[in-house]
């Protein structure tokens, strides 16, 4: 009986590791993909993991603006992750 519970816990840990590995693989895939949007003289290149690689208006780019936008996006993602963690009960083993 005790051994069965232990085996079940090990199986659950293995499942969590598998899910974590899949999530990490998906993150790498998303980071490698790019989306280009051009409209009315504005060009944006953003990766699948929501990092702005290029932003230009009428051919003029501003790296400071890109950096600030990426910082804002990252902070909003962190805020959303925190809220989801609160809801899910903090599945910290998935990190």
C-alpha atoms as a PDB file:
ATOM      1  CA  UNK A   1       0.000   0.000   0.000  1.00  0.00           C
ATOM      2  CA  UNK A   2       2.741   2.471   0.967  1.00  0.00           C
ATOM      3  CA  UNK A   3       4.768   1.395  -2.054  1.00  0.00           C
ATOM      4  CA  UNK A   4       1.778   2.057  -4.355  1.00  0.00           C
ATOM      5  CA  UNK A   5       1.411   5.599  -2.997  1.00  0.00           C
ATOM      6  CA  UNK A   6       5.132   6.173  -3.468  1.00  0.00           C
ATOM      7  CA  UNK A   7       4.951   4.860  -7.031  1.00  0.00           C
ATOM      8  CA  UNK A   8       1.974   7.122  -7.716  1.00  0.00           C
ATOM      9  CA  UNK A   9       3.866  10.158  -6.384  1.00  0.00           C
ATOM     10  CA  UNK A  10       6.864   9.297  -8.554  1.00  0.00           C
ATOM     11  CA  UNK A  11       4.586   8.964 -11.544  1.00  0.00           C
ATOM     12  CA  UNK A  12       3.071  12.377 -10.815  1.00  0.00           C
ATOM     13  CA  UNK A  13       6.547  13.900 -10.550  1.00  0.00           C
ATOM     14  CA  UNK A  14       7.426  12.337 -13.886  1.00  0.00           C
ATOM     15  CA  UNK A  15       4.252  13.799 -15.401  1.00  0.00           C
ATOM     16  CA  UNK A  16       5.121  17.253 -14.016  1.00  0.00           C
ATOM     17  CA  UNK A  17       8.626  17.007 -15.464  1.00  0.00           C
ATOM     18  CA  UNK A  18       7.202  15.968 -18.836  1.00  0.00           C
ATOM     19  CA  UNK A  19       4.788  18.939 -18.788  1.00  0.00           C
ATOM     20  CA  UNK A  20       7.603  21.291 -17.794  1.00  0.00           C
ATOM     21  CA  UNK A  21       9.831  19.974 -20.592  1.00  0.00           C
ATOM     22  CA  UNK A  22       7.002  20.427 -23.094  1.00  0.00           C
ATOM     23  CA  UNK A  23       6.384  23.987 -21.884  1.00  0.00           C
ATOM     24  CA  UNK A  24      10.084  24.836 -22.198  1.00  0.00           C
ATOM     25  CA  UNK A  25      10.209  23.375 -25.714  1.00  0.00           C
ATOM     26  CA  UNK A  26       7.165  25.437 -26.667  1.00  0.00           C
ATOM     27  CA  UNK A  27       8.790  28.581 -25.258  1.00  0.00           C
ATOM     28  CA  UNK A  28      11.887  27.956 -27.403  1.00  0.00           C
ATOM     29  CA  UNK A  29       9.748  27.393 -30.492  1.00  0.00           C
ATOM     30  CA  UNK A  30       7.778  30.574 -29.888  1.00  0.00           C
ATOM     31  CA  UNK A  31      10.959  32.593 -29.338  1.00  0.00           C
ATOM     32  CA  UNK A  32      12.225  31.440 -32.741  1.00  0.00           C
ATOM     33  CA  UNK A  33       9.084  32.520 -34.618  1.00  0.00           C
ATOM     34  CA  UNK A  34       8.593  36.074 -35.824  1.00  0.00           C
ATOM     35  CA  UNK A  35       5.538  38.006 -36.872  1.00  0.00           C
ATOM     36  CA  UNK A  36       5.897  41.068 -39.097  1.00  0.00           C
ATOM     37  CA  UNK A  37       3.147  43.697 -39.200  1.00  0.00           C
ATOM     38  CA  UNK A  38       3.397  46.726 -41.470  1.00  0.00           C
ATOM     39  CA  UNK A  39       0.718  49.347 -41.653  1.00  0.00           C
ATOM     40  CA  UNK A  40       0.612  53.090 -42.401  1.00  0.00           C
ATOM     41  CA  UNK A  41       4.387  53.512 -42.241  1.00  0.00           C
ATOM     42  CA  UNK A  42       4.791  51.534 -39.019  1.00  0.00           C
ATOM     43  CA  UNK A  43       6.703  48.237 -39.053  1.00  0.00           C
ATOM     44  CA  UNK A  44       6.790  45.880 -36.075  1.00  0.00           C
ATOM     45  CA  UNK A  45       8.605  42.582 -35.783  1.00  0.00           C
ATOM     46  CA  UNK A  46       7.623  40.625 -32.692  1.00  0.00           C
ATOM     47  CA  UNK A  47       8.603  37.116 -31.672  1.00  0.00           C
ATOM     48  CA  UNK A  48       6.150  34.431 -30.657  1.00  0.00           C
ATOM     49  CA  UNK A  49       7.223  34.920 -27.046  1.00  0.00           C
ATOM     50  CA  UNK A  50       6.137  38.569 -27.303  1.00  0.00           C
ATOM     51  CA  UNK A  51       9.485  40.333 -27.564  1.00  0.00           C
ATOM     52  CA  UNK A  52       9.653  43.258 -29.953  1.00  0.00           C
ATOM     53  CA  UNK A  53      12.685  42.879 -32.191  1.00  0.00           C
ATOM     54  CA  UNK A  54      12.059  45.844 -34.449  1.00  0.00           C
ATOM     55  CA  UNK A  55       9.824  48.888 -34.349  1.00  0.00           C
ATOM     56  CA  UNK A  56      10.100  51.622 -36.907  1.00  0.00           C
ATOM     57  CA  UNK A  57       7.943  54.519 -37.955  1.00  0.00           C
ATOM     58  CA  UNK A  58       8.501  55.727 -41.507  1.00  0.00           C
ATOM     59  CA  UNK A  59      11.825  53.852 -41.526  1.00  0.00           C
ATOM     60  CA  UNK A  60      13.076  55.411 -38.276  1.00  0.00           C
ATOM     61  CA  UNK A  61      13.756  53.100 -35.346  1.00  0.00           C
ATOM     62  CA  UNK A  62      14.278  53.946 -31.690  1.00  0.00           C
ATOM     63  CA  UNK A  63      15.996  51.288 -29.553  1.00  0.00           C
ATOM     64  CA  UNK A  64      15.001  53.029 -26.309  1.00  0.00           C
ATOM     65  CA  UNK A  65      11.335  52.762 -27.290  1.00  0.00           C
ATOM     66  CA  UNK A  66      11.784  49.069 -28.124  1.00  0.00           C
ATOM     67  CA  UNK A  67      13.474  48.431 -24.771  1.00  0.00           C
ATOM     68  CA  UNK A  68      10.731  50.230 -22.816  1.00  0.00           C
ATOM     69  CA  UNK A  69       7.964  48.402 -24.674  1.00  0.00           C
ATOM     70  CA  UNK A  70       9.646  45.043 -24.034  1.00  0.00           C
ATOM     71  CA  UNK A  71       9.963  45.941 -20.358  1.00  0.00           C
ATOM     72  CA  UNK A  72       6.257  46.826 -20.195  1.00  0.00           C
ATOM     73  CA  UNK A  73       5.299  43.584 -21.953  1.00  0.00           C
ATOM     74  CA  UNK A  74       7.508  41.545 -19.604  1.00  0.00           C
ATOM     75  CA  UNK A  75       5.976  43.210 -16.538  1.00  0.00           C
ATOM     76  CA  UNK A  76       2.441  42.560 -17.793  1.00  0.00           C
ATOM     77  CA  UNK A  77       3.356  38.904 -18.399  1.00  0.00           C
ATOM     78  CA  UNK A  78       4.777  38.645 -14.871  1.00  0.00           C
ATOM     79  CA  UNK A  79       1.613  40.193 -13.453  1.00  0.00           C
ATOM     80  CA  UNK A  80      -0.571  37.750 -15.394  1.00  0.00           C
ATOM     81  CA  UNK A  81       1.608  34.801 -14.332  1.00  0.00           C
ATOM     82  CA  UNK A  82       1.323  35.868 -10.692  1.00  0.00           C
ATOM     83  CA  UNK A  83      -2.461  36.074 -10.932  1.00  0.00           C
ATOM     84  CA  UNK A  84      -2.641  32.671 -12.633  1.00  0.00           C
ATOM     85  CA  UNK A  85      -0.364  31.207  -9.982  1.00  0.00           C
ATOM     86  CA  UNK A  86      -2.681  32.520  -7.257  1.00  0.00           C
ATOM     87  CA  UNK A  87      -5.671  30.939  -8.982  1.00  0.00           C
ATOM     88  CA  UNK A  88      -3.956  27.616  -9.649  1.00  0.00           C
ATOM     89  CA  UNK A  89      -2.663  27.277  -6.117  1.00  0.00           C
ATOM     90  CA  UNK A  90       0.942  27.922  -7.055  1.00  0.00           C
ATOM     91  CA  UNK A  91       2.093  24.976  -9.131  1.00  0.00           C
ATOM     92  CA  UNK A  92       5.676  26.114  -8.592  1.00  0.00           C
ATOM     93  CA  UNK A  93       7.019  22.726  -9.691  1.00  0.00           C
ATOM     94  CA  UNK A  94       6.276  23.679 -13.290  1.00  0.00           C
ATOM     95  CA  UNK A  95       8.932  26.371 -13.423  1.00  0.00           C
END
